[in-house]
């Protein structure tokens, strides 16, 4: 496991007031929308805890720490 990688022990609870406010503003995510990666190749990575204690699971630019 990489430093900060999600270990499965923390709950997946993102339902805090700020997150709820943002979700109400943005609406549900459209998973059918086409991806636009531009010229950068991306790879999927496991969940990690970021510097600000938020958690991210998703795509990163290959060979970098850029999400």
N, C-alpha and C. Protein backbone atom coordinates (compact mmCIF):
# COMPACT_ATOMS: atom_id res chain seq x y z
N UNK A 1 0.86 -1.17 0.00
CA UNK A 1 0.00 0.00 0.00
C UNK A 1 0.90 1.24 0.00
N UNK A 2 0.55 2.23 -0.83
CA UNK A 2 1.30 3.47 -0.95
C UNK A 2 0.95 4.39 0.22
N UNK A 3 1.87 5.32 0.56
CA UNK A 3 1.56 6.27 1.64
C UNK A 3 0.27 7.01 1.35
N UNK A 4 -0.61 7.06 2.34
CA UNK A 4 -1.87 7.76 2.19
C UNK A 4 -2.95 6.96 1.49
N UNK A 5 -2.61 5.77 0.97
CA UNK A 5 -3.60 4.96 0.26
C UNK A 5 -4.69 4.49 1.22
N UNK A 6 -5.90 4.48 0.75
CA UNK A 6 -7.05 4.08 1.58
C UNK A 6 -6.89 2.64 2.01
N UNK A 7 -7.00 2.38 3.30
CA UNK A 7 -6.77 1.04 3.84
C UNK A 7 -8.06 0.27 4.09
N UNK A 8 -9.20 0.83 3.74
CA UNK A 8 -10.46 0.14 3.93
C UNK A 8 -11.03 0.26 5.33
N UNK A 9 -10.31 0.90 6.24
CA UNK A 9 -10.77 1.01 7.62
C UNK A 9 -11.61 2.26 7.85
N UNK A 10 -11.42 3.29 7.03
CA UNK A 10 -12.20 4.51 7.19
C UNK A 10 -13.53 4.33 6.47
N UNK A 11 -14.61 4.83 7.02
CA UNK A 11 -15.91 4.68 6.35
C UNK A 11 -15.98 5.57 5.12
N UNK A 12 -16.77 5.18 4.16
CA UNK A 12 -17.02 5.98 2.96
C UNK A 12 -18.19 6.91 3.22
N UNK A 13 -18.04 7.83 4.15
CA UNK A 13 -19.11 8.74 4.49
C UNK A 13 -18.72 10.14 4.05
N UNK A 14 -19.32 10.58 2.94
CA UNK A 14 -19.03 11.91 2.42
C UNK A 14 -20.20 12.85 2.67
N UNK A 15 -21.13 12.45 3.52
CA UNK A 15 -22.35 13.22 3.71
C UNK A 15 -22.21 14.26 4.81
N UNK A 16 -21.34 15.24 4.57
CA UNK A 16 -21.26 16.36 5.50
C UNK A 16 -21.98 17.54 4.85
N UNK A 17 -22.29 18.58 5.61
CA UNK A 17 -23.11 19.69 5.07
C UNK A 17 -22.51 20.35 3.83
N UNK A 18 -21.21 20.55 3.78
CA UNK A 18 -20.59 21.20 2.62
C UNK A 18 -20.71 20.32 1.38
N UNK A 19 -20.46 19.03 1.53
CA UNK A 19 -20.58 18.11 0.40
C UNK A 19 -22.03 18.07 -0.09
N UNK A 20 -22.98 18.02 0.82
CA UNK A 20 -24.38 18.02 0.43
C UNK A 20 -24.75 19.29 -0.33
N UNK A 21 -24.23 20.44 0.12
CA UNK A 21 -24.50 21.71 -0.57
C UNK A 21 -23.96 21.67 -1.99
N UNK A 22 -22.73 21.16 -2.16
CA UNK A 22 -22.12 21.09 -3.49
C UNK A 22 -22.90 20.13 -4.38
N UNK A 23 -23.28 18.98 -3.84
CA UNK A 23 -24.04 18.00 -4.62
C UNK A 23 -25.37 18.58 -5.08
N UNK A 24 -26.02 19.37 -4.23
CA UNK A 24 -27.29 19.99 -4.61
C UNK A 24 -27.07 21.00 -5.73
N UNK A 25 -25.97 21.74 -5.68
CA UNK A 25 -25.67 22.73 -6.72
C UNK A 25 -25.33 22.07 -8.05
N UNK A 26 -24.53 21.00 -8.00
CA UNK A 26 -24.05 20.37 -9.23
C UNK A 26 -24.99 19.32 -9.79
N UNK A 27 -25.79 18.71 -8.94
CA UNK A 27 -26.64 17.61 -9.39
C UNK A 27 -25.84 16.32 -9.45
N UNK A 28 -26.50 15.25 -9.87
CA UNK A 28 -25.85 13.96 -9.94
C UNK A 28 -24.80 13.93 -11.05
N UNK A 29 -23.76 13.15 -10.87
CA UNK A 29 -22.70 13.01 -11.86
C UNK A 29 -23.21 12.22 -13.06
N UNK A 30 -22.86 12.66 -14.25
CA UNK A 30 -23.26 11.98 -15.48
C UNK A 30 -22.16 11.01 -15.89
N UNK A 31 -22.33 9.74 -15.53
CA UNK A 31 -21.32 8.73 -15.84
C UNK A 31 -21.30 8.38 -17.32
N UNK A 32 -22.30 8.74 -18.07
CA UNK A 32 -22.35 8.43 -19.50
C UNK A 32 -21.63 9.46 -20.35
N UNK A 33 -21.27 10.58 -19.75
CA UNK A 33 -20.57 11.63 -20.50
C UNK A 33 -19.21 11.12 -20.95
N UNK A 34 -18.82 11.48 -22.17
CA UNK A 34 -17.53 11.03 -22.69
C UNK A 34 -16.39 11.70 -21.93
N UNK A 35 -15.32 10.94 -21.74
CA UNK A 35 -14.13 11.48 -21.08
C UNK A 35 -13.35 12.35 -22.04
N UNK A 36 -12.70 13.35 -21.51
CA UNK A 36 -11.86 14.22 -22.32
C UNK A 36 -10.50 14.32 -21.65
N UNK A 37 -9.58 13.49 -22.08
CA UNK A 37 -8.27 13.44 -21.45
C UNK A 37 -7.26 14.37 -22.12
N UNK A 38 -7.62 14.95 -23.25
CA UNK A 38 -6.67 15.79 -23.95
C UNK A 38 -5.49 14.95 -24.40
N UNK A 39 -4.30 15.49 -24.27
CA UNK A 39 -3.10 14.76 -24.72
C UNK A 39 -2.45 13.96 -23.60
N UNK A 40 -3.02 13.99 -22.41
CA UNK A 40 -2.43 13.29 -21.26
C UNK A 40 -3.01 11.89 -21.11
N UNK A 41 -2.15 10.90 -20.92
CA UNK A 41 -2.63 9.57 -20.60
C UNK A 41 -2.90 9.51 -19.11
N UNK A 42 -3.96 8.80 -18.72
CA UNK A 42 -4.31 8.69 -17.32
C UNK A 42 -4.38 7.23 -16.90
N UNK A 43 -4.26 7.02 -15.59
CA UNK A 43 -4.37 5.68 -15.03
C UNK A 43 -5.23 5.75 -13.78
N UNK A 44 -5.97 4.66 -13.51
CA UNK A 44 -6.79 4.59 -12.31
C UNK A 44 -5.91 4.16 -11.14
N UNK A 45 -6.10 4.78 -10.00
CA UNK A 45 -5.36 4.43 -8.79
C UNK A 45 -6.31 4.25 -7.62
N UNK A 46 -5.85 3.52 -6.63
CA UNK A 46 -6.63 3.27 -5.43
C UNK A 46 -6.84 4.56 -4.65
N UNK A 47 -7.79 4.54 -3.72
CA UNK A 47 -8.08 5.70 -2.91
C UNK A 47 -6.87 6.09 -2.06
N UNK A 48 -6.60 7.39 -2.02
CA UNK A 48 -5.52 7.93 -1.19
C UNK A 48 -6.07 9.06 -0.34
N UNK A 49 -5.42 9.31 0.77
CA UNK A 49 -5.75 10.46 1.60
C UNK A 49 -4.79 11.57 1.21
N UNK A 50 -5.33 12.72 0.83
CA UNK A 50 -4.53 13.85 0.38
C UNK A 50 -4.04 14.67 1.57
N UNK A 51 -3.20 15.66 1.27
CA UNK A 51 -2.59 16.48 2.32
C UNK A 51 -3.62 17.16 3.21
N UNK A 52 -4.76 17.52 2.62
CA UNK A 52 -5.79 18.23 3.38
C UNK A 52 -6.78 17.27 4.05
N UNK A 53 -6.43 15.99 4.10
CA UNK A 53 -7.22 14.93 4.74
C UNK A 53 -8.45 14.51 3.93
N UNK A 54 -8.62 15.07 2.72
CA UNK A 54 -9.68 14.58 1.85
C UNK A 54 -9.22 13.28 1.21
N UNK A 55 -10.16 12.53 0.66
CA UNK A 55 -9.82 11.26 0.02
C UNK A 55 -10.16 11.33 -1.45
N UNK A 56 -9.30 10.73 -2.27
CA UNK A 56 -9.51 10.74 -3.72
C UNK A 56 -9.25 9.34 -4.27
N UNK A 57 -10.19 8.87 -5.09
CA UNK A 57 -10.03 7.62 -5.81
C UNK A 57 -10.39 7.91 -7.25
N UNK A 58 -9.48 7.67 -8.14
CA UNK A 58 -9.80 7.97 -9.53
C UNK A 58 -8.59 7.98 -10.41
N UNK A 59 -8.63 8.86 -11.39
CA UNK A 59 -7.61 8.87 -12.42
C UNK A 59 -6.54 9.92 -12.13
N UNK A 60 -5.31 9.55 -12.47
CA UNK A 60 -4.14 10.39 -12.31
C UNK A 60 -3.41 10.42 -13.65
N UNK A 61 -2.73 11.52 -13.96
CA UNK A 61 -1.90 11.56 -15.14
C UNK A 61 -0.76 10.57 -14.94
N UNK A 62 -0.54 9.71 -15.94
CA UNK A 62 0.47 8.65 -15.84
C UNK A 62 1.84 9.25 -15.51
N UNK A 63 2.51 8.65 -14.50
CA UNK A 63 3.85 9.05 -14.11
C UNK A 63 3.92 10.32 -13.30
N UNK A 64 2.77 10.76 -12.75
CA UNK A 64 2.78 12.00 -11.97
C UNK A 64 1.87 11.86 -10.77
N UNK A 65 1.83 12.89 -9.95
CA UNK A 65 0.91 12.96 -8.83
C UNK A 65 -0.18 13.99 -9.11
N UNK A 66 -0.50 14.18 -10.39
CA UNK A 66 -1.51 15.14 -10.80
C UNK A 66 -2.81 14.39 -11.08
N UNK A 67 -3.89 14.83 -10.43
CA UNK A 67 -5.20 14.20 -10.61
C UNK A 67 -5.91 14.82 -11.79
